[in-house]
N, C-alpha and C. Protein backbone atom coordinates (compact mmCIF):
# COMPACT_ATOMS: atom_id res chain seq x y z
N UNK A 1 0.85 -1.17 0.00
CA UNK A 1 0.00 0.00 0.00
C UNK A 1 0.89 1.23 0.00
N UNK A 2 0.56 2.23 -0.82
CA UNK A 2 1.39 3.43 -0.89
C UNK A 2 1.42 4.19 0.44
N UNK A 3 2.50 4.91 0.64
CA UNK A 3 2.65 5.72 1.84
C UNK A 3 1.71 6.92 1.79
N UNK A 4 1.44 7.49 2.95
CA UNK A 4 0.52 8.63 3.03
C UNK A 4 1.22 9.82 3.68
N UNK A 5 1.10 10.96 3.03
CA UNK A 5 1.61 12.22 3.57
C UNK A 5 0.42 12.99 4.13
N UNK A 6 0.30 13.11 5.46
CA UNK A 6 -0.86 13.80 6.05
C UNK A 6 -0.68 15.32 6.04
N UNK A 7 -1.72 16.02 5.55
CA UNK A 7 -1.73 17.48 5.57
C UNK A 7 -3.05 17.92 6.22
N UNK A 8 -2.95 18.69 7.30
CA UNK A 8 -4.13 19.18 8.03
C UNK A 8 -4.43 20.60 7.57
N UNK A 9 -5.70 20.85 7.26
CA UNK A 9 -6.13 22.17 6.77
C UNK A 9 -7.12 22.78 7.75
N UNK A 10 -7.06 24.11 7.87
CA UNK A 10 -8.02 24.90 8.66
C UNK A 10 -8.12 24.46 10.12
N UNK A 11 -7.06 23.96 10.68
CA UNK A 11 -7.10 23.63 12.10
C UNK A 11 -6.64 24.88 12.86
N UNK A 12 -7.52 25.43 13.62
CA UNK A 12 -7.19 26.64 14.40
C UNK A 12 -7.62 27.92 13.72
N UNK A 13 -7.40 28.04 12.41
CA UNK A 13 -7.79 29.26 11.67
C UNK A 13 -7.96 28.93 10.21
N UNK A 14 -8.65 29.81 9.48
CA UNK A 14 -8.93 29.63 8.07
C UNK A 14 -7.63 29.65 7.26
N UNK A 15 -7.49 28.74 6.33
CA UNK A 15 -6.36 28.58 5.42
C UNK A 15 -5.07 28.10 6.10
N UNK A 16 -5.15 27.68 7.35
CA UNK A 16 -3.95 27.15 8.03
C UNK A 16 -3.56 25.81 7.41
N UNK A 17 -2.25 25.58 7.29
CA UNK A 17 -1.73 24.32 6.73
C UNK A 17 -0.73 23.74 7.73
N UNK A 18 -0.95 22.49 8.10
CA UNK A 18 0.01 21.78 8.97
C UNK A 18 0.45 20.53 8.22
N UNK A 19 1.75 20.43 8.01
CA UNK A 19 2.31 19.28 7.29
C UNK A 19 3.68 18.96 7.86
N UNK A 20 4.13 17.72 7.71
CA UNK A 20 5.48 17.40 8.18
C UNK A 20 6.52 18.17 7.38
N UNK A 21 7.65 18.40 8.00
CA UNK A 21 8.73 19.14 7.33
C UNK A 21 9.37 18.25 6.25
N UNK A 22 9.47 16.93 6.55
CA UNK A 22 10.12 16.00 5.62
C UNK A 22 9.23 14.79 5.41
N UNK A 23 9.38 14.18 4.23
CA UNK A 23 8.63 12.97 3.93
C UNK A 23 9.47 12.13 2.97
N UNK A 24 9.52 10.81 3.22
CA UNK A 24 10.30 9.90 2.37
C UNK A 24 9.41 8.75 1.92
N UNK A 25 9.57 8.38 0.65
CA UNK A 25 8.80 7.27 0.08
C UNK A 25 9.70 6.51 -0.87
N UNK A 26 9.40 5.22 -1.06
CA UNK A 26 10.18 4.43 -2.01
C UNK A 26 9.40 4.18 -3.30
N UNK A 27 8.38 4.99 -3.53
CA UNK A 27 7.58 4.87 -4.74
C UNK A 27 6.41 5.83 -4.68
N UNK A 28 5.36 5.52 -5.40
CA UNK A 28 4.18 6.38 -5.42
C UNK A 28 3.61 6.52 -4.01
N UNK A 29 3.00 7.68 -3.76
CA UNK A 29 2.38 7.91 -2.46
C UNK A 29 1.19 8.83 -2.68
N UNK A 30 0.47 9.13 -1.63
CA UNK A 30 -0.65 10.06 -1.75
C UNK A 30 -0.63 11.06 -0.61
N UNK A 31 -1.24 12.22 -0.89
CA UNK A 31 -1.34 13.29 0.09
C UNK A 31 -2.77 13.25 0.62
N UNK A 32 -2.90 13.11 1.94
CA UNK A 32 -4.21 13.13 2.59
C UNK A 32 -4.48 14.55 3.06
N UNK A 33 -5.42 15.23 2.41
CA UNK A 33 -5.79 16.60 2.78
C UNK A 33 -7.01 16.53 3.69
N UNK A 34 -6.79 16.70 5.00
CA UNK A 34 -7.88 16.63 5.98
C UNK A 34 -8.29 18.04 6.36
N UNK A 35 -9.53 18.41 6.02
CA UNK A 35 -10.04 19.75 6.28
C UNK A 35 -10.85 19.73 7.58
N UNK A 36 -10.48 20.61 8.53
CA UNK A 36 -11.14 20.68 9.84
C UNK A 36 -12.06 21.89 9.95
N UNK A 37 -12.26 22.61 8.87
CA UNK A 37 -13.10 23.81 8.94
C UNK A 37 -13.91 23.96 7.67
N UNK A 38 -14.00 25.24 7.20
CA UNK A 38 -14.77 25.54 5.98
C UNK A 38 -14.07 24.96 4.76
N UNK A 39 -14.86 24.83 3.66
CA UNK A 39 -14.29 24.36 2.41
C UNK A 39 -13.17 25.27 1.95
N UNK A 40 -12.15 24.68 1.31
CA UNK A 40 -10.98 25.46 0.91
C UNK A 40 -10.39 24.89 -0.38
N UNK A 41 -9.86 25.80 -1.22
CA UNK A 41 -9.14 25.39 -2.42
C UNK A 41 -7.68 25.16 -2.04
N UNK A 42 -7.11 24.06 -2.53
CA UNK A 42 -5.71 23.72 -2.23
C UNK A 42 -4.99 23.56 -3.56
N UNK A 43 -3.80 24.13 -3.64
CA UNK A 43 -2.95 24.00 -4.82
C UNK A 43 -1.70 23.23 -4.41
N UNK A 44 -1.34 22.20 -5.18
CA UNK A 44 -0.14 21.41 -4.94
C UNK A 44 0.81 21.59 -6.12
N UNK A 45 2.12 21.64 -5.81
CA UNK A 45 3.11 21.84 -6.87
C UNK A 45 4.38 21.06 -6.52
N UNK A 46 4.89 20.30 -7.50
CA UNK A 46 6.17 19.61 -7.36
C UNK A 46 7.25 20.46 -8.00
N UNK A 47 8.39 20.62 -7.31
CA UNK A 47 9.47 21.38 -7.93
C UNK A 47 10.10 20.58 -9.06
N UNK A 48 11.08 21.17 -9.74
CA UNK A 48 11.67 20.56 -10.93
C UNK A 48 12.31 19.19 -10.63
N UNK A 49 12.99 19.08 -9.49
CA UNK A 49 13.67 17.82 -9.17
C UNK A 49 12.66 16.68 -9.02
N UNK A 50 11.57 16.92 -8.30
CA UNK A 50 10.56 15.87 -8.12
C UNK A 50 9.78 15.61 -9.40
N UNK A 51 9.58 16.65 -10.20
CA UNK A 51 8.82 16.50 -11.44
C UNK A 51 9.50 15.57 -12.43
N UNK A 52 10.80 15.37 -12.28
CA UNK A 52 11.51 14.46 -13.19
C UNK A 52 11.13 13.00 -12.96
N UNK A 53 10.72 12.66 -11.73
CA UNK A 53 10.41 11.25 -11.43
C UNK A 53 8.95 11.03 -11.02
N UNK A 54 8.22 12.12 -10.72
CA UNK A 54 6.86 11.95 -10.21
C UNK A 54 5.92 12.95 -10.87
N UNK A 55 4.62 12.65 -10.76
CA UNK A 55 3.61 13.57 -11.27
C UNK A 55 2.41 13.56 -10.32
N UNK A 56 1.74 14.71 -10.28
CA UNK A 56 0.56 14.87 -9.44
C UNK A 56 -0.67 14.33 -10.15
N UNK A 57 -1.53 13.65 -9.39
CA UNK A 57 -2.80 13.22 -9.94
C UNK A 57 -3.71 14.42 -10.21
N UNK A 58 -3.62 15.42 -9.34
CA UNK A 58 -4.42 16.64 -9.45
C UNK A 58 -3.61 17.74 -8.77
N UNK A 59 -3.57 18.93 -9.36
CA UNK A 59 -2.81 20.00 -8.72
C UNK A 59 -3.70 21.01 -8.02
N UNK A 60 -4.91 21.19 -8.46
CA UNK A 60 -5.87 22.10 -7.81
C UNK A 60 -7.07 21.28 -7.38
N UNK A 61 -7.40 21.39 -6.10
CA UNK A 61 -8.51 20.59 -5.57
C UNK A 61 -9.29 21.42 -4.55
N UNK A 62 -10.60 21.23 -4.56
CA UNK A 62 -11.44 21.85 -3.53
C UNK A 62 -11.74 20.77 -2.49
N UNK A 63 -11.44 21.09 -1.22
CA UNK A 63 -11.69 20.15 -0.13
C UNK A 63 -12.85 20.72 0.69
N UNK A 64 -13.98 20.04 0.66
CA UNK A 64 -15.16 20.50 1.39
C UNK A 64 -14.89 20.46 2.90
N UNK A 65 -15.70 21.20 3.64
CA UNK A 65 -15.52 21.27 5.09
C UNK A 65 -15.68 19.91 5.76
N UNK A 66 -14.83 19.64 6.74
CA UNK A 66 -14.84 18.41 7.54
C UNK A 66 -14.78 17.15 6.68
N UNK A 67 -13.97 17.17 5.64
CA UNK A 67 -13.77 15.99 4.79
C UNK A 67 -12.28 15.80 4.55
N UNK A 68 -11.96 14.68 3.94
CA UNK A 68 -10.57 14.38 3.58
C UNK A 68 -10.53 14.03 2.10
N UNK A 69 -9.57 14.61 1.40
CA UNK A 69 -9.36 14.30 -0.02
C UNK A 69 -7.99 13.68 -0.17
N UNK A 70 -7.91 12.72 -1.07
CA UNK A 70 -6.65 12.02 -1.32
C UNK A 70 -6.16 12.39 -2.71
N UNK A 71 -4.93 12.88 -2.79
CA UNK A 71 -4.30 13.25 -4.06
C UNK A 71 -3.13 12.30 -4.29
N UNK A 72 -3.17 11.61 -5.42
CA UNK A 72 -2.10 10.66 -5.75
C UNK A 72 -0.89 11.39 -6.31
N UNK A 73 0.28 10.94 -5.89
CA UNK A 73 1.54 11.37 -6.50
C UNK A 73 2.18 10.10 -7.02
N UNK A 74 2.23 10.00 -8.34
CA UNK A 74 2.68 8.78 -9.00
C UNK A 74 4.14 8.92 -9.39
N UNK A 75 4.94 7.97 -8.96
CA UNK A 75 6.35 7.92 -9.34
C UNK A 75 6.44 7.07 -10.59
N UNK A 76 6.74 7.72 -11.73
CA UNK A 76 6.78 7.03 -13.01
C UNK A 76 8.09 6.27 -13.22
N UNK A 77 9.18 6.94 -13.00
CA UNK A 77 10.50 6.35 -13.22
C UNK A 77 11.18 6.13 -11.89
N UNK A 78 11.50 4.88 -11.60
CA UNK A 78 12.21 4.58 -10.36
C UNK A 78 13.62 5.15 -10.45
N UNK A 79 13.96 6.02 -9.54
CA UNK A 79 15.32 6.57 -9.59
C UNK A 79 16.34 5.54 -9.13
N UNK A 80 17.54 5.60 -9.72
CA UNK A 80 18.59 4.68 -9.29
C UNK A 80 19.28 5.20 -8.02
N UNK A 81 19.15 6.51 -7.79
CA UNK A 81 19.63 7.12 -6.54
C UNK A 81 18.48 7.95 -5.97
N UNK A 82 18.60 8.30 -4.71
CA UNK A 82 17.54 9.08 -4.06
C UNK A 82 17.37 10.44 -4.74
N UNK A 83 16.12 10.84 -4.92
CA UNK A 83 15.81 12.14 -5.51
C UNK A 83 15.07 12.95 -4.45
N UNK A 84 15.56 14.16 -4.20
CA UNK A 84 14.93 15.04 -3.20
C UNK A 84 14.44 16.31 -3.86
N UNK A 85 13.33 16.79 -3.37
CA UNK A 85 12.76 18.03 -3.89
C UNK A 85 11.69 18.52 -2.94
N UNK A 86 10.91 19.49 -3.39
CA UNK A 86 9.89 20.08 -2.52
C UNK A 86 8.51 19.95 -3.13
N UNK A 87 7.56 19.65 -2.23
CA UNK A 87 6.15 19.68 -2.56
C UNK A 87 5.59 20.94 -1.90
N UNK A 88 5.05 21.84 -2.73
CA UNK A 88 4.49 23.08 -2.18
C UNK A 88 2.98 22.89 -2.06
N UNK A 89 2.45 23.20 -0.87
CA UNK A 89 1.01 23.13 -0.60
C UNK A 89 0.57 24.55 -0.26
N UNK A 90 -0.41 25.08 -1.01
CA UNK A 90 -0.87 26.44 -0.72
C UNK A 90 -2.40 26.48 -0.70
N UNK A 91 -2.93 27.38 0.13
CA UNK A 91 -4.38 27.59 0.24
C UNK A 91 -4.65 29.08 0.11
N UNK A 92 -5.92 29.42 -0.03
CA UNK A 92 -6.31 30.84 -0.12
C UNK A 92 -5.65 31.53 -1.29
N UNK A 93 -5.52 30.79 -2.41
CA UNK A 93 -4.91 31.33 -3.64
C UNK A 93 -3.50 31.89 -3.38
N UNK A 94 -2.75 31.12 -2.57
CA UNK A 94 -1.36 31.49 -2.30
C UNK A 94 -1.17 32.29 -1.03
N UNK A 95 -2.26 32.59 -0.30
CA UNK A 95 -2.14 33.37 0.94
C UNK A 95 -1.34 32.59 1.99
N UNK A 96 -1.53 31.28 2.06
CA UNK A 96 -0.77 30.44 2.99
C UNK A 96 -0.03 29.38 2.17
N UNK A 97 1.25 29.17 2.49
CA UNK A 97 2.06 28.18 1.76
C UNK A 97 2.93 27.42 2.74
N UNK A 98 3.05 26.12 2.49
CA UNK A 98 3.95 25.25 3.26
C UNK A 98 4.70 24.37 2.28
N UNK A 99 5.98 24.18 2.55
CA UNK A 99 6.81 23.30 1.72
C UNK A 99 7.18 22.05 2.51
N UNK A 100 7.10 20.91 1.84
CA UNK A 100 7.50 19.64 2.44
C UNK A 100 8.68 19.11 1.63
N UNK A 101 9.79 18.85 2.31
CA UNK A 101 10.95 18.24 1.65
C UNK A 101 10.65 16.76 1.43
N UNK A 102 10.55 16.37 0.16
CA UNK A 102 10.20 15.00 -0.19
C UNK A 102 11.41 14.30 -0.79
N UNK A 103 11.64 13.08 -0.34
CA UNK A 103 12.72 12.25 -0.88
C UNK A 103 12.12 10.97 -1.43
N UNK A 104 12.43 10.68 -2.68
CA UNK A 104 12.02 9.42 -3.30
C UNK A 104 13.24 8.51 -3.31
N UNK A 105 13.16 7.45 -2.52
CA UNK A 105 14.27 6.49 -2.42
C UNK A 105 14.21 5.51 -3.57
N UNK A 106 15.37 5.02 -4.02
CA UNK A 106 15.34 3.97 -5.04
C UNK A 106 14.77 2.69 -4.43
N UNK A 107 14.10 1.92 -5.25
CA UNK A 107 13.52 0.67 -4.79
C UNK A 107 14.65 -0.33 -4.61
N UNK A 108 14.73 -0.88 -3.40
CA UNK A 108 15.77 -1.87 -3.14
C UNK A 108 15.36 -3.18 -3.77
N UNK A 109 16.28 -3.74 -4.55
CA UNK A 109 15.99 -5.02 -5.17
C UNK A 109 16.09 -6.10 -4.12
N UNK A 110 15.02 -6.86 -4.04
CA UNK A 110 15.00 -7.95 -3.08
C UNK A 110 15.72 -9.14 -3.69
N UNK A 111 16.73 -9.58 -2.99
CA UNK A 111 17.43 -10.76 -3.47
C UNK A 111 16.78 -11.98 -2.86
N UNK A 112 16.33 -12.82 -3.71
CA UNK A 112 15.68 -14.03 -3.24
C UNK A 112 16.69 -15.16 -3.36
N UNK A 113 17.06 -15.69 -2.23
CA UNK A 113 18.01 -16.78 -2.22
C UNK A 113 17.29 -18.05 -1.83
N UNK A 114 17.70 -19.11 -2.45
CA UNK A 114 17.14 -20.41 -2.14
C UNK A 114 18.24 -21.23 -1.48
N UNK A 115 17.95 -21.74 -0.30
CA UNK A 115 18.92 -22.57 0.40
C UNK A 115 18.98 -23.93 -0.29
N UNK A 116 20.19 -24.33 -0.64
CA UNK A 116 20.37 -25.61 -1.31
C UNK A 116 21.13 -26.53 -0.39
N UNK A 117 20.53 -27.66 -0.10
CA UNK A 117 21.15 -28.65 0.74
C UNK A 117 22.21 -29.40 -0.07
N UNK A 118 23.32 -29.76 0.55
CA UNK A 118 24.38 -30.45 -0.17
C UNK A 118 23.94 -31.80 -0.70
N UNK A 119 22.94 -32.39 -0.07
CA UNK A 119 22.49 -33.70 -0.52
C UNK A 119 21.85 -33.62 -1.90
N UNK A 120 21.42 -32.42 -2.32
CA UNK A 120 20.82 -32.28 -3.64
C UNK A 120 21.86 -32.41 -4.76
N UNK A 121 23.13 -32.17 -4.45
CA UNK A 121 24.16 -32.26 -5.47
C UNK A 121 24.64 -33.69 -5.69
N UNK A 122 24.23 -34.60 -4.82
CA UNK A 122 24.66 -36.00 -4.96
C UNK A 122 23.54 -36.79 -5.62
N UNK A 123 23.89 -37.62 -6.60
CA UNK A 123 22.83 -38.41 -7.25
C UNK A 123 22.26 -39.45 -6.29
N UNK A 124 20.99 -39.73 -6.50
CA UNK A 124 20.34 -40.74 -5.67
C UNK A 124 20.88 -42.11 -6.05
N UNK A 125 21.05 -42.98 -5.07
CA UNK A 125 21.52 -44.33 -5.41
C UNK A 125 20.44 -45.07 -6.21
N UNK A 126 20.91 -45.81 -7.20
CA UNK A 126 19.97 -46.55 -8.03
C UNK A 126 19.55 -47.82 -7.30
N UNK A 127 18.28 -48.15 -7.52
CA UNK A 127 17.81 -49.40 -6.96
C UNK A 127 18.33 -50.53 -7.84
N UNK A 128 18.71 -51.65 -7.24
CA UNK A 128 19.26 -52.73 -8.05
C UNK A 128 18.20 -53.27 -9.03
N UNK A 129 18.68 -53.60 -10.22
CA UNK A 129 17.80 -54.15 -11.24
C UNK A 129 17.43 -55.59 -10.87
N UNK A 130 16.15 -55.92 -11.06
CA UNK A 130 15.72 -57.29 -10.79
C UNK A 130 15.93 -58.13 -12.03
N UNK A 131 16.42 -59.33 -11.83
CA UNK A 131 16.59 -60.25 -12.96
C UNK A 131 15.23 -60.81 -13.35
N UNK A 132 15.17 -61.43 -14.51
CA UNK A 132 13.91 -62.01 -15.00
C UNK A 132 13.44 -63.12 -14.07
N UNK A 133 14.40 -63.89 -13.51
CA UNK A 133 14.04 -64.98 -12.60
C UNK A 133 13.40 -64.43 -11.33
N UNK A 134 14.02 -63.35 -10.76
CA UNK A 134 13.46 -62.80 -9.52
C UNK A 134 12.11 -62.13 -9.77
N UNK A 135 11.92 -61.55 -10.98
CA UNK A 135 10.62 -60.98 -11.31
C UNK A 135 9.57 -62.07 -11.41
N UNK A 136 9.96 -63.21 -12.03
CA UNK A 136 9.04 -64.35 -12.16
C UNK A 136 8.67 -64.93 -10.81
N UNK A 137 9.67 -65.05 -9.93
CA UNK A 137 9.40 -65.59 -8.59
C UNK A 137 8.51 -64.64 -7.78
N UNK A 138 8.70 -63.34 -8.00
CA UNK A 138 7.87 -62.37 -7.28
C UNK A 138 6.43 -62.42 -7.75
N UNK A 139 6.23 -62.87 -9.01
CA UNK A 139 4.88 -62.93 -9.55
C UNK A 139 4.11 -64.16 -9.08
N UNK A 140 4.82 -65.14 -8.53
CA UNK A 140 4.14 -66.35 -8.06
C UNK A 140 3.26 -66.03 -6.86
N UNK A 141 2.21 -66.82 -6.68
CA UNK A 141 1.34 -66.57 -5.53
C UNK A 141 2.09 -66.82 -4.22
N UNK A 142 1.66 -66.13 -3.20
CA UNK A 142 2.30 -66.24 -1.90
C UNK A 142 1.87 -67.49 -1.14
N UNK A 143 2.34 -67.65 0.10
CA UNK A 143 2.03 -68.84 0.89
C UNK A 143 0.54 -68.98 1.19
N UNK A 144 -0.21 -67.91 1.15
CA UNK A 144 -1.65 -67.99 1.41
C UNK A 144 -2.36 -68.75 0.30
N UNK A 145 -1.80 -68.74 -0.89
CA UNK A 145 -2.44 -69.38 -2.04
C UNK A 145 -2.00 -70.83 -2.23
N UNK A 146 -1.17 -71.36 -1.33
CA UNK A 146 -0.64 -72.72 -1.48
C UNK A 146 -1.76 -73.77 -1.54
N UNK A 147 -2.76 -73.76 -0.69
CA UNK A 147 -3.82 -74.77 -0.81
C UNK A 147 -4.54 -74.68 -2.16
N UNK A 148 -4.71 -73.48 -2.64
CA UNK A 148 -5.38 -73.30 -3.93
C UNK A 148 -4.54 -73.90 -5.06
N UNK A 149 -3.25 -73.64 -5.05
CA UNK A 149 -2.36 -74.15 -6.09
C UNK A 149 -2.33 -75.69 -6.04
N UNK A 150 -2.29 -76.27 -4.85
CA UNK A 150 -2.29 -77.73 -4.70
C UNK A 150 -3.57 -78.31 -5.27
N UNK A 151 -4.70 -77.65 -5.00
CA UNK A 151 -5.98 -78.12 -5.52
C UNK A 151 -6.00 -78.09 -7.05
N UNK A 152 -5.48 -77.02 -7.67
CA UNK A 152 -5.43 -76.91 -9.13
C UNK A 152 -4.54 -78.01 -9.71
N UNK A 153 -3.38 -78.23 -9.11
CA UNK A 153 -2.47 -79.28 -9.61
C UNK A 153 -3.10 -80.67 -9.48
N UNK A 154 -3.81 -80.90 -8.40
CA UNK A 154 -4.49 -82.18 -8.21
C UNK A 154 -5.55 -82.40 -9.29
N UNK A 155 -6.30 -81.32 -9.66
CA UNK A 155 -7.31 -81.44 -10.71
C UNK A 155 -6.67 -81.76 -12.04
N UNK A 156 -5.52 -81.18 -12.34
CA UNK A 156 -4.82 -81.46 -13.59
C UNK A 156 -4.32 -82.90 -13.61
N UNK A 157 -3.81 -83.39 -12.48
CA UNK A 157 -3.31 -84.78 -12.39
C UNK A 157 -4.47 -85.76 -12.60
N UNK A 158 -5.62 -85.49 -11.98
CA UNK A 158 -6.78 -86.38 -12.14
C UNK A 158 -7.23 -86.38 -13.60
N UNK A 159 -7.26 -85.23 -14.24
CA UNK A 159 -7.66 -85.16 -15.64
C UNK A 159 -6.69 -85.92 -16.52
N UNK A 160 -5.40 -85.80 -16.26
CA UNK A 160 -4.40 -86.54 -17.04
C UNK A 160 -4.56 -88.04 -16.81
N UNK A 161 -4.86 -88.45 -15.57
CA UNK A 161 -5.09 -89.87 -15.27
C UNK A 161 -6.31 -90.40 -16.00
N UNK A 162 -7.37 -89.60 -16.09
CA UNK A 162 -8.58 -90.05 -16.79
C UNK A 162 -8.27 -90.29 -18.27
N UNK A 163 -7.47 -89.43 -18.87
CA UNK A 163 -7.10 -89.63 -20.28
C UNK A 163 -6.29 -90.91 -20.42
N UNK A 164 -5.42 -91.15 -19.48
CA UNK A 164 -4.54 -92.32 -19.57
C UNK A 164 -5.34 -93.61 -19.41
N UNK A 165 -6.23 -93.66 -18.41
CA UNK A 165 -6.95 -94.90 -18.15
C UNK A 165 -8.15 -95.10 -19.07
N UNK A 166 -8.88 -94.07 -19.38
CA UNK A 166 -10.07 -94.22 -20.21
C UNK A 166 -9.67 -94.21 -21.68
N UNK A 167 -8.69 -93.47 -21.99
CA UNK A 167 -8.24 -93.40 -23.37
C UNK A 167 -8.58 -92.06 -23.98
N UNK A 168 -7.77 -91.66 -24.91
CA UNK A 168 -7.92 -90.36 -25.54
C UNK A 168 -8.90 -90.42 -26.69
N UNK A 169 -9.51 -91.60 -26.93
CA UNK A 169 -10.43 -91.72 -28.05
C UNK A 169 -11.82 -91.22 -27.75
N UNK A 170 -12.17 -91.08 -26.50
CA UNK A 170 -13.51 -90.63 -26.12
C UNK A 170 -13.57 -89.10 -26.17
N UNK A 171 -14.49 -88.56 -27.02
CA UNK A 171 -14.59 -87.10 -27.10
C UNK A 171 -15.07 -86.46 -25.80
N UNK A 172 -15.88 -87.12 -25.03
CA UNK A 172 -16.36 -86.57 -23.76
C UNK A 172 -15.21 -86.41 -22.78
N UNK A 173 -14.31 -87.37 -22.75
CA UNK A 173 -13.15 -87.29 -21.85
C UNK A 173 -12.25 -86.14 -22.28
N UNK A 174 -12.02 -86.00 -23.57
CA UNK A 174 -11.14 -84.92 -24.05
C UNK A 174 -11.73 -83.55 -23.74
N UNK A 175 -13.04 -83.39 -23.93
CA UNK A 175 -13.68 -82.10 -23.61
C UNK A 175 -13.59 -81.83 -22.12
N UNK A 176 -13.84 -82.84 -21.30
CA UNK A 176 -13.76 -82.67 -19.84
C UNK A 176 -12.37 -82.30 -19.38
N UNK A 177 -11.37 -83.00 -19.96
CA UNK A 177 -9.98 -82.70 -19.60
C UNK A 177 -9.62 -81.29 -20.05
N UNK A 178 -10.06 -80.87 -21.22
CA UNK A 178 -9.79 -79.52 -21.70
C UNK A 178 -10.40 -78.46 -20.80
N UNK A 179 -11.61 -78.71 -20.32
CA UNK A 179 -12.28 -77.74 -19.42
C UNK A 179 -11.51 -77.66 -18.10
N UNK A 180 -11.10 -78.79 -17.55
CA UNK A 180 -10.37 -78.81 -16.27
C UNK A 180 -9.02 -78.09 -16.42
N UNK A 181 -8.29 -78.40 -17.48
CA UNK A 181 -6.97 -77.78 -17.66
C UNK A 181 -7.14 -76.28 -17.94
N UNK A 182 -8.12 -75.90 -18.77
CA UNK A 182 -8.36 -74.47 -19.01
C UNK A 182 -8.75 -73.73 -17.74
N UNK A 183 -9.59 -74.34 -16.93
CA UNK A 183 -9.96 -73.71 -15.65
C UNK A 183 -8.78 -73.59 -14.72
N UNK A 184 -7.92 -74.62 -14.72
CA UNK A 184 -6.73 -74.60 -13.86
C UNK A 184 -5.78 -73.47 -14.28
N UNK A 185 -5.56 -73.33 -15.58
CA UNK A 185 -4.67 -72.27 -16.09
C UNK A 185 -5.27 -70.89 -15.75
N UNK A 186 -6.57 -70.72 -15.97
CA UNK A 186 -7.22 -69.44 -15.65
C UNK A 186 -7.12 -69.12 -14.16
N UNK A 187 -7.29 -70.15 -13.33
CA UNK A 187 -7.22 -69.92 -11.87
C UNK A 187 -5.80 -69.53 -11.47
N UNK A 188 -4.80 -70.15 -12.08
CA UNK A 188 -3.41 -69.81 -11.76
C UNK A 188 -3.09 -68.36 -12.20
N UNK A 189 -3.53 -68.00 -13.39
CA UNK A 189 -3.28 -66.63 -13.86
C UNK A 189 -3.96 -65.62 -12.94
N UNK A 190 -5.18 -65.91 -12.55
CA UNK A 190 -5.92 -65.01 -11.65
C UNK A 190 -5.24 -64.90 -10.29
N UNK A 191 -4.71 -65.99 -9.77
CA UNK A 191 -4.07 -65.95 -8.45
C UNK A 191 -2.74 -65.21 -8.50
N UNK A 192 -2.09 -65.20 -9.66
CA UNK A 192 -0.80 -64.49 -9.78
C UNK A 192 -1.02 -62.99 -9.76
N UNK A 193 -2.09 -62.53 -10.31
CA UNK A 193 -2.37 -61.09 -10.34
C UNK A 193 -2.57 -60.63 -8.94
């Protein structure tokens, strides 16, 4: 939020001006004209030094009684070094005048530093590559599935025995054996997932 330069008007007597002797800002600011009496015309003027870096939003303003008016002073060009000059405030068509020494400071560049931990400069250790055998073993069902696997193997052995004893010439036996072996393979694949 821009800084505020307070100026009190008509406090104690008509056309009286009370303002700080000095004012410093690091950019645009505004003048708060607080009127404590009758309405008054106020004239603001920046000297040549301030006019090089700043401009008035309004130079002549009427401030109604018991109100406050805000006048913007916009700093267009950030100075690389401090610029000092005078802001003249006058009322009563120049009958009362006050000067405020204004300094516009250069904007300090904020240096943003990021803390870097030394561990960031070291590469992360690679995880060891798994061989195809270890990947295959990891895919096998765990010990909880052992009764299921035994049951599937037993069904395949019984089906193979039926083919051996009954003979492979019977189409009903071949279809039955195919269904049992297909179911066993499907069950094994499902249990591995």
